[in-house]
Amino acid sequence: MHLNDEKLLAEPGVRVALATALYKDESLSLGRAAKLAGMVLVEFMQHVSRLGVPVVRGAAATVRQDANNLKAWLKQ
């Protein structure tokens, strides 16, 4: 199987399934997986969430710190 084979990637659901599997295995970032799937980011996030794949990864403390850093940055 070659990923350059446009026939294979054009088959219904192949891009989404491939993107989902690669994101789940942490081989692709969320944004890159959404792009591969041909979906906008929020749509892909909803898709993987429905499948039980976590959208936010990492320890709770790290996620909390990232959220606090983002809030501080947005206030600037």
PDB file of N, CA and C in Angstrom:
ATOM      1  N   MET A   1       0.850  -1.170   0.000  1.00  0.00           N
ATOM      2  CA  MET A   1       0.000   0.000   0.000  1.00  0.00           C
ATOM      3  C   MET A   1       0.894   1.230   0.000  1.00  0.00           C
ATOM      4  N   HIS A   2       0.592   2.160  -0.868  1.00  0.00           N
ATOM      5  CA  HIS A   2       1.321   3.413  -0.940  1.00  0.00           C
ATOM      6  C   HIS A   2       0.375   4.556  -0.628  1.00  0.00           C
ATOM      7  N   LEU A   3       0.797   5.453   0.264  1.00  0.00           N
ATOM      8  CA  LEU A   3      -0.061   6.583   0.611  1.00  0.00           C
ATOM      9  C   LEU A   3      -0.166   7.591  -0.521  1.00  0.00           C
ATOM     10  N   ASN A   4       0.722   7.498  -1.498  1.00  0.00           N
ATOM     11  CA  ASN A   4       0.644   8.390  -2.647  1.00  0.00           C
ATOM     12  C   ASN A   4      -0.391   7.924  -3.658  1.00  0.00           C
ATOM     13  N   ASP A   5      -0.979   6.786  -3.415  1.00  0.00           N
ATOM     14  CA  ASP A   5      -1.997   6.246  -4.302  1.00  0.00           C
ATOM     15  C   ASP A   5      -3.295   7.019  -4.086  1.00  0.00           C
ATOM     16  N   GLU A   6      -3.583   7.941  -4.979  1.00  0.00           N
ATOM     17  CA  GLU A   6      -4.764   8.799  -4.836  1.00  0.00           C
ATOM     18  C   GLU A   6      -6.058   8.000  -4.857  1.00  0.00           C
ATOM     19  N   LYS A   7      -6.075   6.850  -5.532  1.00  0.00           N
ATOM     20  CA  LYS A   7      -7.289   6.032  -5.554  1.00  0.00           C
ATOM     21  C   LYS A   7      -7.639   5.568  -4.148  1.00  0.00           C
ATOM     22  N   LEU A   8      -6.636   5.096  -3.410  1.00  0.00           N
ATOM     23  CA  LEU A   8      -6.875   4.612  -2.056  1.00  0.00           C
ATOM     24  C   LEU A   8      -7.338   5.740  -1.148  1.00  0.00           C
ATOM     25  N   LEU A   9      -6.652   6.866  -1.193  1.00  0.00           N
ATOM     26  CA  LEU A   9      -7.011   7.988  -0.322  1.00  0.00           C
ATOM     27  C   LEU A   9      -8.339   8.621  -0.707  1.00  0.00           C
ATOM     28  N   ALA A  10      -8.794   8.391  -1.927  1.00  0.00           N
ATOM     29  CA  ALA A  10     -10.065   8.950  -2.379  1.00  0.00           C
ATOM     30  C   ALA A  10     -11.250   8.091  -1.952  1.00  0.00           C
ATOM     31  N   GLU A  11     -10.985   6.877  -1.491  1.00  0.00           N
ATOM     32  CA  GLU A  11     -12.071   6.002  -1.047  1.00  0.00           C
ATOM     33  C   GLU A  11     -12.748   6.623   0.172  1.00  0.00           C
ATOM     34  N   PRO A  12     -14.071   6.538   0.240  1.00  0.00           N
ATOM     35  CA  PRO A  12     -14.803   7.140   1.364  1.00  0.00           C
ATOM     36  C   PRO A  12     -14.323   6.617   2.718  1.00  0.00           C
ATOM     37  N   GLY A  13     -14.034   7.526   3.607  1.00  0.00           N
ATOM     38  CA  GLY A  13     -13.658   7.183   4.970  1.00  0.00           C
ATOM     39  C   GLY A  13     -12.201   6.832   5.199  1.00  0.00           C
ATOM     40  N   VAL A  14     -11.418   6.640   4.141  1.00  0.00           N
ATOM     41  CA  VAL A  14     -10.027   6.222   4.318  1.00  0.00           C
ATOM     42  C   VAL A  14      -9.199   7.320   4.988  1.00  0.00           C
ATOM     43  N   ARG A  15      -9.328   8.547   4.513  1.00  0.00           N
ATOM     44  CA  ARG A  15      -8.550   9.651   5.101  1.00  0.00           C
ATOM     45  C   ARG A  15      -8.906   9.851   6.574  1.00  0.00           C
ATOM     46  N   VAL A  16     -10.187   9.804   6.883  1.00  0.00           N
ATOM     47  CA  VAL A  16     -10.624  10.006   8.273  1.00  0.00           C
ATOM     48  C   VAL A  16     -10.113   8.872   9.161  1.00  0.00           C
ATOM     49  N   ALA A  17     -10.236   7.638   8.684  1.00  0.00           N
ATOM     50  CA  ALA A  17      -9.773   6.489   9.465  1.00  0.00           C
ATOM     51  C   ALA A  17      -8.262   6.539   9.676  1.00  0.00           C
ATOM     52  N   LEU A  18      -7.530   6.878   8.630  1.00  0.00           N
ATOM     53  CA  LEU A  18      -6.075   6.969   8.728  1.00  0.00           C
ATOM     54  C   LEU A  18      -5.667   8.086   9.685  1.00  0.00           C
ATOM     55  N   ALA A  19      -6.291   9.239   9.536  1.00  0.00           N
ATOM     56  CA  ALA A  19      -5.976  10.373  10.407  1.00  0.00           C
ATOM     57  C   ALA A  19      -6.289  10.038  11.862  1.00  0.00           C
ATOM     58  N   THR A  20      -7.411   9.390  12.085  1.00  0.00           N
ATOM     59  CA  THR A  20      -7.805   9.018  13.450  1.00  0.00           C
ATOM     60  C   THR A  20      -6.795   8.055  14.065  1.00  0.00           C
ATOM     61  N   ALA A  21      -6.413   7.056  13.308  1.00  0.00           N
ATOM     62  CA  ALA A  21      -5.446   6.067  13.817  1.00  0.00           C
ATOM     63  C   ALA A  21      -4.096   6.711  14.107  1.00  0.00           C
ATOM     64  N   LEU A  22      -3.637   7.577  13.214  1.00  0.00           N
ATOM     65  CA  LEU A  22      -2.337   8.227  13.418  1.00  0.00           C
ATOM     66  C   LEU A  22      -2.378   9.193  14.590  1.00  0.00           C
ATOM     67  N   TYR A  23      -3.505   9.885  14.786  1.00  0.00           N
ATOM     68  CA  TYR A  23      -3.630  10.777  15.932  1.00  0.00           C
ATOM     69  C   TYR A  23      -3.684   9.963  17.231  1.00  0.00           C
ATOM     70  N   LYS A  24      -4.457   8.896  17.223  1.00  0.00           N
ATOM     71  CA  LYS A  24      -4.592   8.052  18.417  1.00  0.00           C
ATOM     72  C   LYS A  24      -3.247   7.480  18.835  1.00  0.00           C
ATOM     73  N   ASP A  25      -2.424   7.106  17.866  1.00  0.00           N
ATOM     74  CA  ASP A  25      -1.097   6.559  18.153  1.00  0.00           C
ATOM     75  C   ASP A  25      -0.061   7.647  18.435  1.00  0.00           C
ATOM     76  N   GLU A  26      -0.494   8.902  18.421  1.00  0.00           N
ATOM     77  CA  GLU A  26       0.360  10.071  18.651  1.00  0.00           C
ATOM     78  C   GLU A  26       1.436  10.228  17.583  1.00  0.00           C
ATOM     79  N   SER A  27       1.134   9.756  16.370  1.00  0.00           N
ATOM     80  CA  SER A  27       2.045   9.936  15.240  1.00  0.00           C
ATOM     81  C   SER A  27       1.788  11.251  14.520  1.00  0.00           C
ATOM     82  N   LEU A  28       0.587  11.794  14.694  1.00  0.00           N
ATOM     83  CA  LEU A  28       0.224  13.089  14.110  1.00  0.00           C
ATOM     84  C   LEU A  28      -0.360  13.973  15.189  1.00  0.00           C
ATOM     85  N   SER A  29      -0.118  15.272  15.060  1.00  0.00           N
ATOM     86  CA  SER A  29      -0.754  16.227  15.965  1.00  0.00           C
ATOM     87  C   SER A  29      -2.236  16.313  15.611  1.00  0.00           C
ATOM     88  N   LEU A  30      -2.992  16.916  16.478  1.00  0.00           N
ATOM     89  CA  LEU A  30      -4.424  17.090  16.247  1.00  0.00           C
ATOM     90  C   LEU A  30      -4.684  17.893  14.970  1.00  0.00           C
ATOM     91  N   GLY A  31      -3.932  18.975  14.796  1.00  0.00           N
ATOM     92  CA  GLY A  31      -4.108  19.824  13.612  1.00  0.00           C
ATOM     93  C   GLY A  31      -3.754  19.121  12.322  1.00  0.00           C
ATOM     94  N   ARG A  32      -2.655  18.405  12.326  1.00  0.00           N
ATOM     95  CA  ARG A  32      -2.234  17.681  11.109  1.00  0.00           C
ATOM     96  C   ARG A  32      -3.194  16.540  10.788  1.00  0.00           C
ATOM     97  N   ALA A  33      -3.696  15.884  11.813  1.00  0.00           N
ATOM     98  CA  ALA A  33      -4.656  14.803  11.597  1.00  0.00           C
ATOM     99  C   ALA A  33      -5.954  15.350  11.012  1.00  0.00           C
ATOM    100  N   ALA A  34      -6.398  16.486  11.525  1.00  0.00           N
ATOM    101  CA  ALA A  34      -7.614  17.110  10.980  1.00  0.00           C
ATOM    102  C   ALA A  34      -7.425  17.460   9.515  1.00  0.00           C
ATOM    103  N   LYS A  35      -6.262  17.988   9.199  1.00  0.00           N
ATOM    104  CA  LYS A  35      -5.970  18.349   7.807  1.00  0.00           C
ATOM    105  C   LYS A  35      -5.966  17.110   6.911  1.00  0.00           C
ATOM    106  N   LEU A  36      -5.326  16.032   7.363  1.00  0.00           N
ATOM    107  CA  LEU A  36      -5.305  14.794   6.598  1.00  0.00           C
ATOM    108  C   LEU A  36      -6.726  14.268   6.393  1.00  0.00           C
ATOM    109  N   ALA A  37      -7.549  14.382   7.423  1.00  0.00           N
ATOM    110  CA  ALA A  37      -8.928  13.894   7.349  1.00  0.00           C
ATOM    111  C   ALA A  37      -9.796  14.775   6.455  1.00  0.00           C
ATOM    112  N   GLY A  38      -9.315  15.983   6.158  1.00  0.00           N
ATOM    113  CA  GLY A  38     -10.115  16.909   5.353  1.00  0.00           C
ATOM    114  C   GLY A  38     -11.226  17.557   6.159  1.00  0.00           C
ATOM    115  N   MET A  39     -10.965  17.716   7.454  1.00  0.00           N
ATOM    116  CA  MET A  39     -11.963  18.283   8.365  1.00  0.00           C
ATOM    117  C   MET A  39     -11.399  19.548   9.011  1.00  0.00           C
ATOM    118  N   VAL A  40     -12.298  20.440   9.403  1.00  0.00           N
ATOM    119  CA  VAL A  40     -11.844  21.576  10.205  1.00  0.00           C
ATOM    120  C   VAL A  40     -11.505  21.028  11.592  1.00  0.00           C
ATOM    121  N   LEU A  41     -10.665  21.729  12.303  1.00  0.00           N
ATOM    122  CA  LEU A  41     -10.139  21.239  13.581  1.00  0.00           C
ATOM    123  C   LEU A  41     -11.246  20.851  14.563  1.00  0.00           C
ATOM    124  N   VAL A  42     -12.213  21.719  14.756  1.00  0.00           N
ATOM    125  CA  VAL A  42     -13.268  21.434  15.740  1.00  0.00           C
ATOM    126  C   VAL A  42     -14.075  20.200  15.337  1.00  0.00           C
ATOM    127  N   GLU A  43     -14.290  20.006  14.067  1.00  0.00           N
ATOM    128  CA  GLU A  43     -15.016  18.841  13.568  1.00  0.00           C
ATOM    129  C   GLU A  43     -14.232  17.548  13.866  1.00  0.00           C
ATOM    130  N   PHE A  44     -12.917  17.602  13.644  1.00  0.00           N
ATOM    131  CA  PHE A  44     -12.085  16.431  13.931  1.00  0.00           C
ATOM    132  C   PHE A  44     -12.023  16.172  15.431  1.00  0.00           C
ATOM    133  N   MET A  45     -11.959  17.227  16.227  1.00  0.00           N
ATOM    134  CA  MET A  45     -11.956  17.075  17.679  1.00  0.00           C
ATOM    135  C   MET A  45     -13.231  16.375  18.143  1.00  0.00           C
ATOM    136  N   GLN A  46     -14.357  16.769  17.589  1.00  0.00           N
ATOM    137  CA  GLN A  46     -15.629  16.138  17.942  1.00  0.00           C
ATOM    138  C   GLN A  46     -15.632  14.671  17.504  1.00  0.00           C
ATOM    139  N   HIS A  47     -15.097  14.413  16.324  1.00  0.00           N
ATOM    140  CA  HIS A  47     -15.040  13.051  15.790  1.00  0.00           C
ATOM    141  C   HIS A  47     -14.250  12.131  16.711  1.00  0.00           C
ATOM    142  N   VAL A  48     -13.026  12.522  17.071  1.00  0.00           N
ATOM    143  CA  VAL A  48     -12.216  11.639  17.922  1.00  0.00           C
ATOM    144  C   VAL A  48     -12.792  11.538  19.324  1.00  0.00           C
ATOM    145  N   SER A  49     -13.406  12.607  19.802  1.00  0.00           N
ATOM    146  CA  SER A  49     -14.039  12.562  21.127  1.00  0.00           C
ATOM    147  C   SER A  49     -15.159  11.537  21.153  1.00  0.00           C
ATOM    148  N   ARG A  50     -15.958  11.494  20.093  1.00  0.00           N
ATOM    149  CA  ARG A  50     -17.040  10.502  20.015  1.00  0.00           C
ATOM    150  C   ARG A  50     -16.491   9.073  20.048  1.00  0.00           C
ATOM    151  N   LEU A  51     -15.270   8.901  19.558  1.00  0.00           N
ATOM    152  CA  LEU A  51     -14.640   7.577  19.549  1.00  0.00           C
ATOM    153  C   LEU A  51     -13.925   7.264  20.857  1.00  0.00           C
ATOM    154  N   GLY A  52     -13.933   8.217  21.791  1.00  0.00           N
ATOM    155  CA  GLY A  52     -13.278   8.011  23.077  1.00  0.00           C
ATOM    156  C   GLY A  52     -11.791   8.297  23.072  1.00  0.00           C
ATOM    157  N   VAL A  53     -11.316   8.961  22.021  1.00  0.00           N
ATOM    158  CA  VAL A  53      -9.897   9.324  21.936  1.00  0.00           C
ATOM    159  C   VAL A  53      -9.738  10.696  22.588  1.00  0.00           C
ATOM    160  N   PRO A  54      -8.860  10.818  23.577  1.00  0.00           N
ATOM    161  CA  PRO A  54      -8.707  12.111  24.259  1.00  0.00           C
ATOM    162  C   PRO A  54      -8.181  13.201  23.334  1.00  0.00           C
ATOM    163  N   VAL A  55      -8.797  14.360  23.428  1.00  0.00           N
ATOM    164  CA  VAL A  55      -8.360  15.510  22.643  1.00  0.00           C
ATOM    165  C   VAL A  55      -7.260  16.252  23.398  1.00  0.00           C
ATOM    166  N   VAL A  56      -7.400  16.327  24.699  1.00  0.00           N
ATOM    167  CA  VAL A  56      -6.399  16.975  25.544  1.00  0.00           C
ATOM    168  C   VAL A  56      -5.580  15.869  26.186  1.00  0.00           C
ATOM    169  N   ARG A  57      -4.286  15.941  25.980  1.00  0.00           N
ATOM    170  CA  ARG A  57      -3.391  14.925  26.525  1.00  0.00           C
ATOM    171  C   ARG A  57      -2.447  15.550  27.530  1.00  0.00           C
ATOM    172  N   GLY A  58      -1.998  14.738  28.458  1.00  0.00           N
ATOM    173  CA  GLY A  58      -1.039  15.211  29.445  1.00  0.00           C
ATOM    174  C   GLY A  58      -1.611  15.111  30.844  1.00  0.00           C
ATOM    175  N   ALA A  59      -0.774  15.373  31.799  1.00  0.00           N
ATOM    176  CA  ALA A  59      -1.183  15.341  33.197  1.00  0.00           C
ATOM    177  C   ALA A  59      -2.099  16.515  33.498  1.00  0.00           C
ATOM    178  N   ALA A  60      -2.992  16.349  34.445  1.00  0.00           N
ATOM    179  CA  ALA A  60      -3.948  17.391  34.796  1.00  0.00           C
ATOM    180  C   ALA A  60      -3.230  18.688  35.188  1.00  0.00           C
ATOM    181  N   ALA A  61      -2.147  18.575  35.936  1.00  0.00           N
ATOM    182  CA  ALA A  61      -1.410  19.769  36.359  1.00  0.00           C
ATOM    183  C   ALA A  61      -0.821  20.511  35.162  1.00  0.00           C
ATOM    184  N   THR A  62      -0.320  19.775  34.190  1.00  0.00           N
ATOM    185  CA  THR A  62       0.250  20.391  32.994  1.00  0.00           C
ATOM    186  C   THR A  62      -0.832  21.093  32.182  1.00  0.00           C
ATOM    187  N   VAL A  63      -1.964  20.446  32.032  1.00  0.00           N
ATOM    188  CA  VAL A  63      -3.077  21.035  31.287  1.00  0.00           C
ATOM    189  C   VAL A  63      -3.563  22.299  31.997  1.00  0.00           C
ATOM    190  N   ARG A  64      -3.676  22.230  33.306  1.00  0.00           N
ATOM    191  CA  ARG A  64      -4.111  23.389  34.089  1.00  0.00           C
ATOM    192  C   ARG A  64      -3.122  24.550  33.923  1.00  0.00           C
ATOM    193  N   GLN A  65      -1.827  24.261  33.973  1.00  0.00           N
ATOM    194  CA  GLN A  65      -0.805  25.299  33.802  1.00  0.00           C
ATOM    195  C   GLN A  65      -0.869  25.894  32.398  1.00  0.00           C
ATOM    196  N   ASP A  66      -1.045  25.048  31.399  1.00  0.00           N
ATOM    197  CA  ASP A  66      -1.176  25.530  30.025  1.00  0.00           C
ATOM    198  C   ASP A  66      -2.384  26.455  29.886  1.00  0.00           C
ATOM    199  N   ALA A  67      -3.495  26.088  30.507  1.00  0.00           N
ATOM    200  CA  ALA A  67      -4.699  26.931  30.460  1.00  0.00           C
ATOM    201  C   ALA A  67      -4.442  28.272  31.135  1.00  0.00           C
ATOM    202  N   ASN A  68      -3.762  28.253  32.265  1.00  0.00           N
ATOM    203  CA  ASN A  68      -3.434  29.504  32.957  1.00  0.00           C
ATOM    204  C   ASN A  68      -2.497  30.370  32.124  1.00  0.00           C
ATOM    205  N   ASN A  69      -1.511  29.750  31.478  1.00  0.00           N
ATOM    206  CA  ASN A  69      -0.600  30.499  30.609  1.00  0.00           C
ATOM    207  C   ASN A  69      -1.345  31.114  29.435  1.00  0.00           C
ATOM    208  N   LEU A  70      -2.274  30.373  28.868  1.00  0.00           N
ATOM    209  CA  LEU A  70      -3.057  30.891  27.748  1.00  0.00           C
ATOM    210  C   LEU A  70      -3.905  32.076  28.189  1.00  0.00           C
ATOM    211  N   LYS A  71      -4.550  31.968  29.347  1.00  0.00           N
ATOM    212  CA  LYS A  71      -5.371  33.083  29.856  1.00  0.00           C
ATOM    213  C   LYS A  71      -4.512  34.328  30.053  1.00  0.00           C
ATOM    214  N   ALA A  72      -3.336  34.159  30.627  1.00  0.00           N
ATOM    215  CA  ALA A  72      -2.437  35.300  30.849  1.00  0.00           C
ATOM    216  C   ALA A  72      -1.998  35.908  29.526  1.00  0.00           C
ATOM    217  N   TRP A  73      -1.702  35.089  28.573  1.00  0.00           N
ATOM    218  CA  TRP A  73      -1.266  35.580  27.264  1.00  0.00           C
ATOM    219  C   TRP A  73      -2.398  36.326  26.569  1.00  0.00           C
ATOM    220  N   LEU A  74      -3.621  35.832  26.671  1.00  0.00           N
ATOM    221  CA  LEU A  74      -4.758  36.480  26.023  1.00  0.00           C
ATOM    222  C   LEU A  74      -5.077  37.842  26.635  1.00  0.00           C
ATOM    223  N   LYS A  75      -4.742  38.030  27.910  1.00  0.00           N
ATOM    224  CA  LYS A  75      -4.989  39.308  28.584  1.00  0.00           C
ATOM    225  C   LYS A  75      -4.026  40.391  28.125  1.00  0.00           C
ATOM    226  N   GLN A  76      -2.904  40.010  27.517  1.00  0.00           N
ATOM    227  CA  GLN A  76      -1.894  40.989  27.107  1.00  0.00           C
ATOM    228  C   GLN A  76      -2.372  41.819  25.952  1.00  0.00           C
TER     229      GLN A  76
END
